[in-house]
N, C-alpha and C. Protein backbone atom coordinates (compact mmCIF):
# COMPACT_ATOMS: atom_id res chain seq x y z
N MET A 1 -207.38 -13.70 28.75
CA MET A 1 -207.08 -14.73 29.54
C MET A 1 -205.52 -14.95 29.72
N GLU A 2 -205.20 -15.21 30.75
CA GLU A 2 -203.85 -15.51 31.10
C GLU A 2 -203.11 -16.82 30.88
N VAL A 3 -202.17 -16.98 30.08
CA VAL A 3 -201.60 -18.52 29.85
C VAL A 3 -200.49 -18.91 30.96
N THR A 4 -200.84 -19.94 31.53
CA THR A 4 -199.73 -20.22 32.56
C THR A 4 -198.99 -21.41 31.66
N PRO A 5 -197.67 -21.89 31.92
CA PRO A 5 -197.12 -22.84 31.45
C PRO A 5 -197.31 -23.99 31.87
N ALA A 6 -197.57 -25.19 31.51
CA ALA A 6 -197.97 -26.69 32.12
C ALA A 6 -197.11 -27.13 33.05
N ALA A 7 -197.25 -27.34 33.89
CA ALA A 7 -196.21 -28.06 34.92
C ALA A 7 -195.72 -29.28 34.58
N ASP A 8 -194.76 -29.55 34.96
CA ASP A 8 -193.80 -30.83 34.66
C ASP A 8 -194.45 -32.02 35.52
N PRO A 9 -195.02 -32.88 34.77
CA PRO A 9 -195.72 -33.96 35.50
C PRO A 9 -194.98 -34.64 36.47
N GLY A 10 -193.38 -34.67 36.20
CA GLY A 10 -192.58 -35.59 36.79
C GLY A 10 -192.08 -34.80 38.05
N VAL A 11 -192.50 -33.57 38.40
CA VAL A 11 -192.12 -32.73 39.73
C VAL A 11 -193.26 -33.10 40.66
N THR A 12 -192.79 -33.66 41.68
CA THR A 12 -193.85 -33.47 43.03
C THR A 12 -193.64 -32.56 44.13
N PRO A 13 -194.74 -31.98 44.75
CA PRO A 13 -194.44 -31.24 45.64
C PRO A 13 -193.31 -31.23 46.83
N GLU A 14 -192.88 -32.68 46.57
CA GLU A 14 -191.39 -32.92 47.76
C GLU A 14 -190.27 -32.60 46.81
N THR A 15 -190.55 -33.11 45.62
CA THR A 15 -189.23 -32.90 45.15
C THR A 15 -188.98 -31.55 44.41
N ALA A 16 -189.84 -30.85 44.40
CA ALA A 16 -189.74 -29.51 44.05
C ALA A 16 -189.29 -28.69 44.97
N LEU A 17 -189.09 -28.58 46.19
CA LEU A 17 -188.57 -28.09 47.32
C LEU A 17 -187.00 -28.50 47.95
N GLU A 18 -186.30 -29.60 46.80
CA GLU A 18 -185.23 -29.79 47.22
C GLU A 18 -184.14 -29.04 46.91
N VAL A 19 -183.16 -28.54 47.20
CA VAL A 19 -181.70 -27.49 47.09
C VAL A 19 -181.23 -28.20 46.32
N THR A 20 -180.91 -27.61 45.25
CA THR A 20 -179.89 -27.75 44.05
C THR A 20 -178.55 -27.87 44.85
N PRO A 21 -177.43 -28.55 44.46
CA PRO A 21 -176.28 -28.38 45.59
C PRO A 21 -175.34 -27.60 44.43
N HIS A 22 -174.74 -26.79 45.40
CA HIS A 22 -173.88 -25.39 44.56
C HIS A 22 -172.62 -25.99 45.09
N PRO A 23 -171.84 -26.46 44.39
CA PRO A 23 -170.13 -26.89 45.23
C PRO A 23 -169.52 -25.50 45.64
N ALA A 24 -169.68 -24.51 44.71
CA ALA A 24 -168.68 -23.43 44.86
C ALA A 24 -169.23 -22.57 46.95
N LEU A 25 -170.41 -22.83 46.84
CA LEU A 25 -171.37 -22.68 48.06
C LEU A 25 -170.42 -23.56 49.13
N GLU A 26 -170.43 -24.74 48.85
CA GLU A 26 -170.60 -26.02 49.82
C GLU A 26 -168.92 -25.82 50.27
N ALA A 27 -168.00 -25.28 49.38
CA ALA A 27 -166.64 -24.93 49.36
C ALA A 27 -166.57 -23.96 50.58
N ALA A 28 -167.35 -23.00 50.46
CA ALA A 28 -166.63 -21.71 51.14
C ALA A 28 -166.57 -22.05 52.49
N ARG A 29 -165.57 -21.28 53.12
CA ARG A 29 -165.45 -21.73 54.50
C ARG A 29 -166.36 -20.81 55.24
N VAL A 30 -166.86 -21.54 56.36
CA VAL A 30 -167.72 -20.65 57.74
C VAL A 30 -167.10 -20.16 58.52
N ILE A 31 -167.32 -18.61 58.75
CA ILE A 31 -166.71 -17.94 59.43
C ILE A 31 -167.43 -17.80 60.55
N PRO A 32 -166.68 -18.42 61.75
CA PRO A 32 -167.46 -18.21 62.91
C PRO A 32 -167.98 -16.56 63.49
N ALA A 33 -169.55 -16.49 64.27
CA ALA A 33 -169.78 -15.23 64.81
C ALA A 33 -168.70 -14.54 65.70
N ASP A 34 -168.11 -15.37 66.37
CA ASP A 34 -167.30 -14.89 67.13
C ASP A 34 -165.73 -14.52 66.94
N PRO A 35 -165.21 -13.47 66.62
CA PRO A 35 -163.85 -13.44 66.18
C PRO A 35 -162.34 -14.14 67.03
N ARG A 36 -163.07 -14.30 68.16
CA ARG A 36 -162.10 -14.94 68.74
C ARG A 36 -162.05 -16.71 68.59
N GLU A 37 -162.96 -16.70 67.88
CA GLU A 37 -162.77 -18.56 67.21
C GLU A 37 -161.95 -18.50 65.55
N ARG A 38 -162.38 -17.32 65.11
CA ARG A 38 -161.70 -17.31 63.82
C ARG A 38 -160.03 -17.89 63.82
N PRO A 39 -159.92 -18.91 62.87
CA PRO A 39 -158.32 -19.39 62.44
C PRO A 39 -157.70 -18.33 62.46
N SER A 40 -156.58 -18.60 62.53
CA SER A 40 -155.36 -17.40 62.32
C SER A 40 -154.92 -17.98 60.54
N MET A 41 -155.38 -16.65 59.82
CA MET A 41 -154.48 -16.72 58.71
C MET A 41 -153.04 -16.34 58.55
N PRO A 42 -152.35 -16.93 57.69
CA PRO A 42 -150.97 -16.78 57.68
C PRO A 42 -150.60 -14.94 56.85
N SER A 43 -150.10 -14.72 57.38
CA SER A 43 -150.06 -12.88 56.95
C SER A 43 -148.94 -12.78 55.51
N GLY A 44 -148.11 -14.14 55.07
CA GLY A 44 -147.38 -13.78 53.92
C GLY A 44 -146.17 -13.22 54.15
N LYS A 45 -146.11 -12.66 55.77
CA LYS A 45 -144.80 -11.91 55.98
C LYS A 45 -143.72 -12.95 56.37
N GLN A 46 -142.45 -12.26 56.21
CA GLN A 46 -141.32 -13.06 57.04
C GLN A 46 -141.67 -13.01 58.41
N PRO A 47 -141.48 -14.25 59.39
CA PRO A 47 -141.52 -14.32 60.56
C PRO A 47 -140.18 -13.70 61.46
N GLY A 48 -140.68 -13.21 62.88
CA GLY A 48 -139.54 -12.43 63.09
C GLY A 48 -138.97 -11.34 62.92
N PRO A 49 -137.71 -10.85 63.45
CA PRO A 49 -137.41 -9.47 63.19
C PRO A 49 -137.09 -9.11 61.84
N ALA A 50 -136.90 -7.88 61.64
CA ALA A 50 -136.67 -7.73 60.31
C ALA A 50 -135.33 -6.79 60.65
N THR A 51 -133.88 -7.63 60.45
CA THR A 51 -132.99 -7.01 60.92
C THR A 51 -132.22 -7.05 59.54
N PRO A 52 -130.90 -6.12 59.40
CA PRO A 52 -130.35 -5.94 57.98
C PRO A 52 -129.47 -7.37 57.73
N GLU A 53 -128.75 -7.77 58.79
CA GLU A 53 -128.15 -9.41 58.60
C GLU A 53 -129.25 -10.29 57.59
N ARG A 54 -130.67 -10.26 58.81
CA ARG A 54 -131.71 -11.33 58.18
C ARG A 54 -132.18 -10.94 56.48
N LEU A 55 -132.17 -9.82 56.18
CA LEU A 55 -132.72 -9.10 55.02
C LEU A 55 -131.84 -9.36 53.89
N ALA A 56 -130.23 -9.27 54.14
CA ALA A 56 -129.22 -9.61 53.65
C ALA A 56 -129.26 -10.79 53.24
N GLU A 57 -129.50 -11.83 54.37
CA GLU A 57 -129.56 -13.31 53.67
C GLU A 57 -130.53 -14.03 53.23
N PHE A 58 -131.91 -12.74 53.32
CA PHE A 58 -132.80 -13.61 52.50
C PHE A 58 -132.49 -12.86 51.03
N TYR A 59 -132.26 -11.96 51.10
CA TYR A 59 -132.15 -11.34 49.44
C TYR A 59 -130.73 -11.43 49.13
N ALA A 60 -130.25 -12.40 49.53
CA ALA A 60 -128.64 -12.86 48.84
C ALA A 60 -128.66 -12.88 47.27
N ALA A 61 -129.38 -13.98 46.86
CA ALA A 61 -129.69 -13.90 45.58
C ALA A 61 -129.30 -12.49 44.76
N ASP A 62 -130.51 -11.70 45.30
CA ASP A 62 -130.71 -10.66 44.27
C ASP A 62 -129.72 -9.46 44.71
N LEU A 63 -129.01 -9.36 45.88
CA LEU A 63 -127.95 -8.61 46.20
C LEU A 63 -126.93 -9.23 45.25
N ALA A 64 -126.74 -10.30 45.21
CA ALA A 64 -125.34 -11.00 44.35
C ALA A 64 -125.37 -10.37 42.65
N ALA A 65 -126.64 -10.38 42.67
CA ALA A 65 -127.15 -10.27 41.04
C ALA A 65 -126.94 -8.70 41.02
N GLY A 66 -127.07 -7.66 41.90
CA GLY A 66 -126.53 -6.29 41.73
C GLY A 66 -128.13 -5.81 42.13
N ARG A 67 -128.71 -6.49 42.47
CA ARG A 67 -130.63 -5.87 42.91
C ARG A 67 -130.76 -5.39 44.21
N VAL A 68 -131.42 -4.60 44.59
CA VAL A 68 -131.65 -4.27 45.97
C VAL A 68 -132.97 -4.10 45.92
N PRO A 69 -133.69 -4.95 46.77
CA PRO A 69 -134.98 -4.82 46.89
C PRO A 69 -135.60 -3.54 47.29
N SER A 70 -136.97 -3.35 46.64
CA SER A 70 -137.28 -1.75 46.94
C SER A 70 -138.05 -1.82 48.37
N LYS A 71 -138.07 -0.66 48.61
CA LYS A 71 -139.08 -0.25 49.80
C LYS A 71 -140.37 -0.84 50.13
N ARG A 72 -140.89 -1.05 48.69
CA ARG A 72 -142.74 -1.50 48.98
C ARG A 72 -142.39 -2.92 49.36
N GLN A 73 -141.39 -3.75 48.33
CA GLN A 73 -141.05 -5.05 48.60
C GLN A 73 -140.41 -5.53 49.68
N ILE A 74 -139.60 -4.88 50.86
CA ILE A 74 -139.32 -5.29 51.96
C ILE A 74 -140.92 -4.94 52.69
N LYS A 75 -141.37 -4.02 52.57
CA LYS A 75 -142.70 -3.50 53.54
C LYS A 75 -143.71 -4.61 53.29
N ARG A 76 -143.58 -5.31 52.15
CA ARG A 76 -144.88 -6.48 51.81
C ARG A 76 -144.21 -7.22 52.31
N GLU A 77 -143.09 -8.08 52.21
CA GLU A 77 -142.76 -9.34 52.57
C GLU A 77 -142.19 -9.52 54.08
N TRP A 78 -141.91 -8.50 54.85
CA TRP A 78 -141.74 -8.45 56.37
C TRP A 78 -142.36 -7.47 56.93
N PRO A 79 -142.44 -7.65 58.47
CA PRO A 79 -143.41 -6.97 59.18
C PRO A 79 -142.99 -5.71 59.59
N VAL A 80 -142.98 -4.89 58.74
CA VAL A 80 -142.20 -3.24 59.10
C VAL A 80 -143.15 -2.36 58.43
N GLY A 81 -142.76 -1.32 59.24
CA GLY A 81 -143.88 -0.01 58.50
C GLY A 81 -142.62 0.67 57.52
N TYR A 82 -143.40 1.92 56.76
CA TYR A 82 -142.68 2.26 55.39
C TYR A 82 -141.13 2.73 56.10
N ASP A 83 -141.06 3.39 57.43
CA ASP A 83 -139.85 4.21 57.70
C ASP A 83 -138.59 3.25 58.02
N THR A 84 -139.17 1.66 58.73
CA THR A 84 -138.05 0.87 58.84
C THR A 84 -137.63 0.20 57.41
N ALA A 85 -138.76 -0.11 56.70
CA ALA A 85 -138.49 -0.74 55.28
C ALA A 85 -137.10 0.52 54.45
N SER A 86 -137.71 1.61 54.32
CA SER A 86 -136.74 2.66 53.93
C SER A 86 -135.43 2.37 54.33
N ASP A 87 -135.34 2.50 55.89
CA ASP A 87 -134.03 2.21 56.85
C ASP A 87 -133.22 1.17 56.23
N LEU A 88 -134.02 0.01 56.21
CA LEU A 88 -133.41 -1.29 55.82
C LEU A 88 -132.96 -1.38 54.13
N HIS A 89 -133.67 -0.80 53.49
CA HIS A 89 -133.20 -0.77 52.01
C HIS A 89 -131.91 0.41 51.67
N ASP A 90 -132.02 1.51 52.37
CA ASP A 90 -130.95 2.36 52.62
C ASP A 90 -129.92 1.62 52.95
N HIS A 91 -129.61 0.53 53.99
CA HIS A 91 -128.90 -0.12 54.43
C HIS A 91 -127.96 -1.50 53.77
N LEU A 92 -129.21 -1.77 53.08
CA LEU A 92 -128.71 -3.05 52.26
C LEU A 92 -127.97 -2.37 50.74
N ALA A 93 -128.34 -0.90 50.24
CA ALA A 93 -128.22 -0.41 49.11
C ALA A 93 -126.10 0.17 49.54
N ALA A 94 -126.33 0.36 50.86
CA ALA A 94 -124.97 0.76 51.21
C ALA A 94 -124.08 0.03 51.22
N ALA A 95 -124.62 -1.40 51.85
CA ALA A 95 -123.96 -2.89 51.68
C ALA A 95 -123.53 -3.07 50.60
N MET A 96 -124.03 -3.05 49.70
CA MET A 96 -123.81 -3.70 48.16
C MET A 96 -122.98 -2.57 47.32
N ALA A 97 -123.17 -1.07 47.76
CA ALA A 97 -122.22 -0.33 47.34
C ALA A 97 -120.83 -0.40 47.82
N ALA A 98 -120.55 -1.21 49.24
CA ALA A 98 -119.32 -0.93 49.67
C ALA A 98 -118.53 -2.25 49.49
N THR A 99 -119.24 -3.09 48.49
CA THR A 99 -118.88 -4.40 48.25
C THR A 99 -118.30 -4.21 46.61
C-alpha cells in the first residue's frame, strides 16, 4: 500500500494555484521580440573619434605620471580596432618620450 502525505487543510484549490512572487524575475528586463524595438545600451566606450589629441587629454593624468595606456585599454575604452589602438599607443608613447 502506498502512503501519501496528508494534504494541508488550509490550502484550497484556488490558493494552491497562486503564483509565488519572485522578485528577481519581476526585476528582469523584458526584451522585445523585434530587435528594432530594443533600447540602445551604452557601449562603455568614449564617444566620438579617437584622435591622438583626445587620447592625450583623456589620459593626461596617466601620461603625467609616466604611464602610457596599453593597446588593449585603448581598444576597450575607445571605438577603435587593434591596429588603430596600436597606432594611438605608439603616438602617445612617442609624445611622452619627447617631453
